Amino acid sequence: MAPDTSFLLIGRLASKANTTKDTIRHYDQLGLLKSRKRQAGSRLYTEFHPECVERIELIKSAQAIGFTLTEIKDSLNDYYDGQLDIDLQLTLTQQKLTQIRKQQATISLMIEMLTERIDILEHMKADSKYELDVEICKKKIPLL
């Protein structure tokens, strides 16, 4: 019987999905991709289902908006199994948005503090008699 040629070897999948073989191996190891093993002589090949191209695109899209591979795994498999729980997805997405907004607030505060330190350092550079307020330099970002 002839092998199913619709399945892709790792190099072909990497090329089609615009990613690396290492990324594909990692995703496969985490159970994010559908693959099968095929023996060819003394070699064991991993072949990937054609839908893996789309899966990789969805994974990268979810990563781009802050989801971790662990968070992506269950949702991705539920989606492809036709078991996606929309209410759960809505809750998880709202939680992620809250988390990202907290990170954004922290980053905004960091920008403010860095800008303040730059101003101080510029004053010190311009005026050798400028007194450094050590308390400003000891400021820490509060836990949000």
Protein backbone atom coordinates (compact mmCIF):
# COMPACT_ATOMS: atom_id res chain seq x y z
CA MET A 1 0.00 0.00 0.00
CA ALA A 2 1.33 3.46 -0.93
CA PRO A 3 1.96 5.92 1.93
CA ASP A 4 -0.50 8.76 2.47
CA THR A 5 1.21 11.69 0.75
CA SER A 6 -1.06 14.31 2.30
CA PHE A 7 0.93 14.10 5.54
CA LEU A 8 3.96 16.39 5.74
CA LEU A 9 7.50 15.75 6.85
CA ILE A 10 8.89 18.27 9.32
CA GLY A 11 10.89 20.28 6.76
CA ARG A 12 7.89 20.73 4.47
CA LEU A 13 5.66 21.70 7.41
CA ALA A 14 8.25 24.20 8.66
CA SER A 15 8.39 25.76 5.21
CA LYS A 16 4.59 25.93 4.78
CA ALA A 17 4.04 27.29 8.28
CA ASN A 18 6.96 29.75 8.08
CA THR A 19 8.58 28.45 11.25
CA THR A 20 11.51 26.28 12.31
CA LYS A 21 11.86 22.55 12.72
CA ASP A 22 12.76 23.12 16.37
CA THR A 23 9.50 24.99 16.94
CA ILE A 24 7.55 22.15 15.32
CA ARG A 25 9.35 19.56 17.46
CA HIS A 26 8.56 21.60 20.57
CA TYR A 27 4.88 22.00 19.66
CA ASP A 28 4.65 18.29 18.83
CA GLN A 29 6.27 17.33 22.12
CA LEU A 30 3.68 19.46 23.97
CA GLY A 31 0.82 17.77 22.11
CA LEU A 32 -0.16 20.83 20.09
CA LEU A 33 0.19 19.11 16.70
CA LYS A 34 -1.19 15.95 15.15
CA SER A 35 1.61 13.68 14.07
CA ARG A 36 2.32 10.04 13.44
CA LYS A 37 5.45 7.96 13.22
CA ARG A 38 6.41 6.06 10.07
CA GLN A 39 9.19 3.52 9.77
CA ALA A 40 11.20 3.68 6.54
CA GLY A 41 13.99 1.15 6.65
CA SER A 42 16.04 1.89 9.73
CA ARG A 43 14.72 5.44 10.01
CA LEU A 44 11.70 6.58 11.99
CA TYR A 45 9.99 9.61 10.47
CA THR A 46 7.45 11.90 12.10
CA GLU A 47 4.73 12.96 9.70
CA PHE A 48 2.34 15.80 10.38
CA HIS A 49 -1.32 16.16 9.48
CA PRO A 50 -1.92 18.91 6.89
CA GLU A 51 -4.07 20.87 9.38
CA CYS A 52 -0.88 21.49 11.38
CA VAL A 53 -0.15 24.49 9.15
CA GLU A 54 -3.34 26.13 10.39
CA ARG A 55 -2.70 24.93 13.95
CA ILE A 56 0.72 26.61 13.95
CA GLU A 57 -0.80 29.85 12.66
CA LEU A 58 -3.41 29.75 15.45
CA ILE A 59 -0.73 28.99 18.06
CA LYS A 60 1.43 31.90 16.93
CA SER A 61 -1.58 34.21 16.86
CA ALA A 62 -2.57 33.23 20.42
CA GLN A 63 1.03 33.65 21.60
CA ALA A 64 1.14 37.12 20.04
CA ILE A 65 -1.71 38.24 22.31
CA GLY A 66 -0.13 36.83 25.45
CA PHE A 67 -1.32 33.24 25.80
CA THR A 68 1.21 30.62 26.85
CA LEU A 69 1.58 27.30 25.06
CA THR A 70 0.05 25.55 28.06
CA GLU A 71 -2.97 27.86 27.92
CA ILE A 72 -3.28 27.33 24.17
CA LYS A 73 -3.11 23.53 24.24
CA ASP A 74 -6.51 22.68 25.73
CA SER A 75 -8.36 25.32 23.75
CA LEU A 76 -6.73 24.32 20.48
CA ASN A 77 -7.46 20.64 20.93
CA ASP A 78 -11.04 21.37 22.04
CA TYR A 79 -11.52 23.54 18.94
CA TYR A 80 -10.34 20.81 16.57
CA ASP A 81 -12.35 18.15 18.44
CA GLY A 82 -15.51 20.26 18.10
CA GLN A 83 -15.72 20.64 21.90
CA LEU A 84 -14.88 24.33 22.29
CA ASP A 85 -16.66 25.81 25.32
CA ILE A 86 -17.38 29.40 24.30
CA ASP A 87 -18.22 30.51 27.86
CA LEU A 88 -14.92 29.13 29.13
CA GLN A 89 -13.05 30.77 26.26
CA LEU A 90 -14.72 34.09 27.01
CA THR A 91 -13.75 33.84 30.68
CA LEU A 92 -10.14 32.86 29.86
CA THR A 93 -9.84 35.68 27.34
CA GLN A 94 -11.24 38.23 29.79
CA GLN A 95 -8.77 37.02 32.43
CA LYS A 96 -5.91 37.36 29.94
CA LEU A 97 -7.01 40.91 29.11
CA THR A 98 -7.03 41.79 32.83
CA GLN A 99 -3.54 40.31 33.20
CA ILE A 100 -2.22 42.23 30.17
CA ARG A 101 -3.75 45.48 31.45
CA LYS A 102 -1.92 45.00 34.77
CA GLN A 103 1.30 44.45 32.85
CA GLN A 104 0.59 47.58 30.83
CA ALA A 105 0.11 49.60 34.03
CA THR A 106 3.39 48.25 35.39
CA ILE A 107 5.20 49.13 32.17
CA SER A 108 3.71 52.65 32.22
CA LEU A 109 4.98 53.13 35.75
CA MET A 110 8.41 51.80 34.74
CA ILE A 111 8.52 54.31 31.87
CA GLU A 112 7.63 57.12 34.26
CA MET A 113 10.33 56.08 36.73
CA LEU A 114 12.98 55.69 34.03
CA THR A 115 12.11 59.10 32.61
CA GLU A 116 12.44 60.58 36.10
CA ARG A 117 15.87 58.99 36.55
CA ILE A 118 17.04 60.25 33.17
CA ASP A 119 16.00 63.78 34.20
CA ILE A 120 17.96 63.44 37.45
CA LEU A 121 21.05 62.13 35.68
CA GLU A 122 20.89 64.93 33.12
CA HIS A 123 20.67 67.48 35.96
CA MET A 124 23.66 65.84 37.65
CA LYS A 125 25.64 65.93 34.43
CA ALA A 126 24.80 69.60 33.82
CA ASP A 127 25.31 70.75 37.44
CA SER A 128 28.06 69.10 39.47
CA LYS A 129 26.56 70.59 42.65
CA TYR A 130 23.18 68.97 42.07
CA GLU A 131 22.09 66.96 45.12
CA LEU A 132 20.85 63.47 44.36
CA ASP A 133 17.66 62.52 46.14
CA VAL A 134 18.42 58.88 46.94
CA GLU A 135 14.79 58.18 47.82
CA ILE A 136 13.79 58.75 44.20
CA CYS A 137 16.33 56.16 43.09
CA LYS A 138 15.04 53.64 45.65
CA LYS A 139 11.45 53.76 44.38
CA LYS A 140 10.02 50.37 43.59
CA ILE A 141 7.12 49.40 41.44
CA PRO A 142 4.17 48.49 43.64
CA LEU A 143 2.56 45.11 43.19
CA LEU A 144 -0.61 45.56 41.19
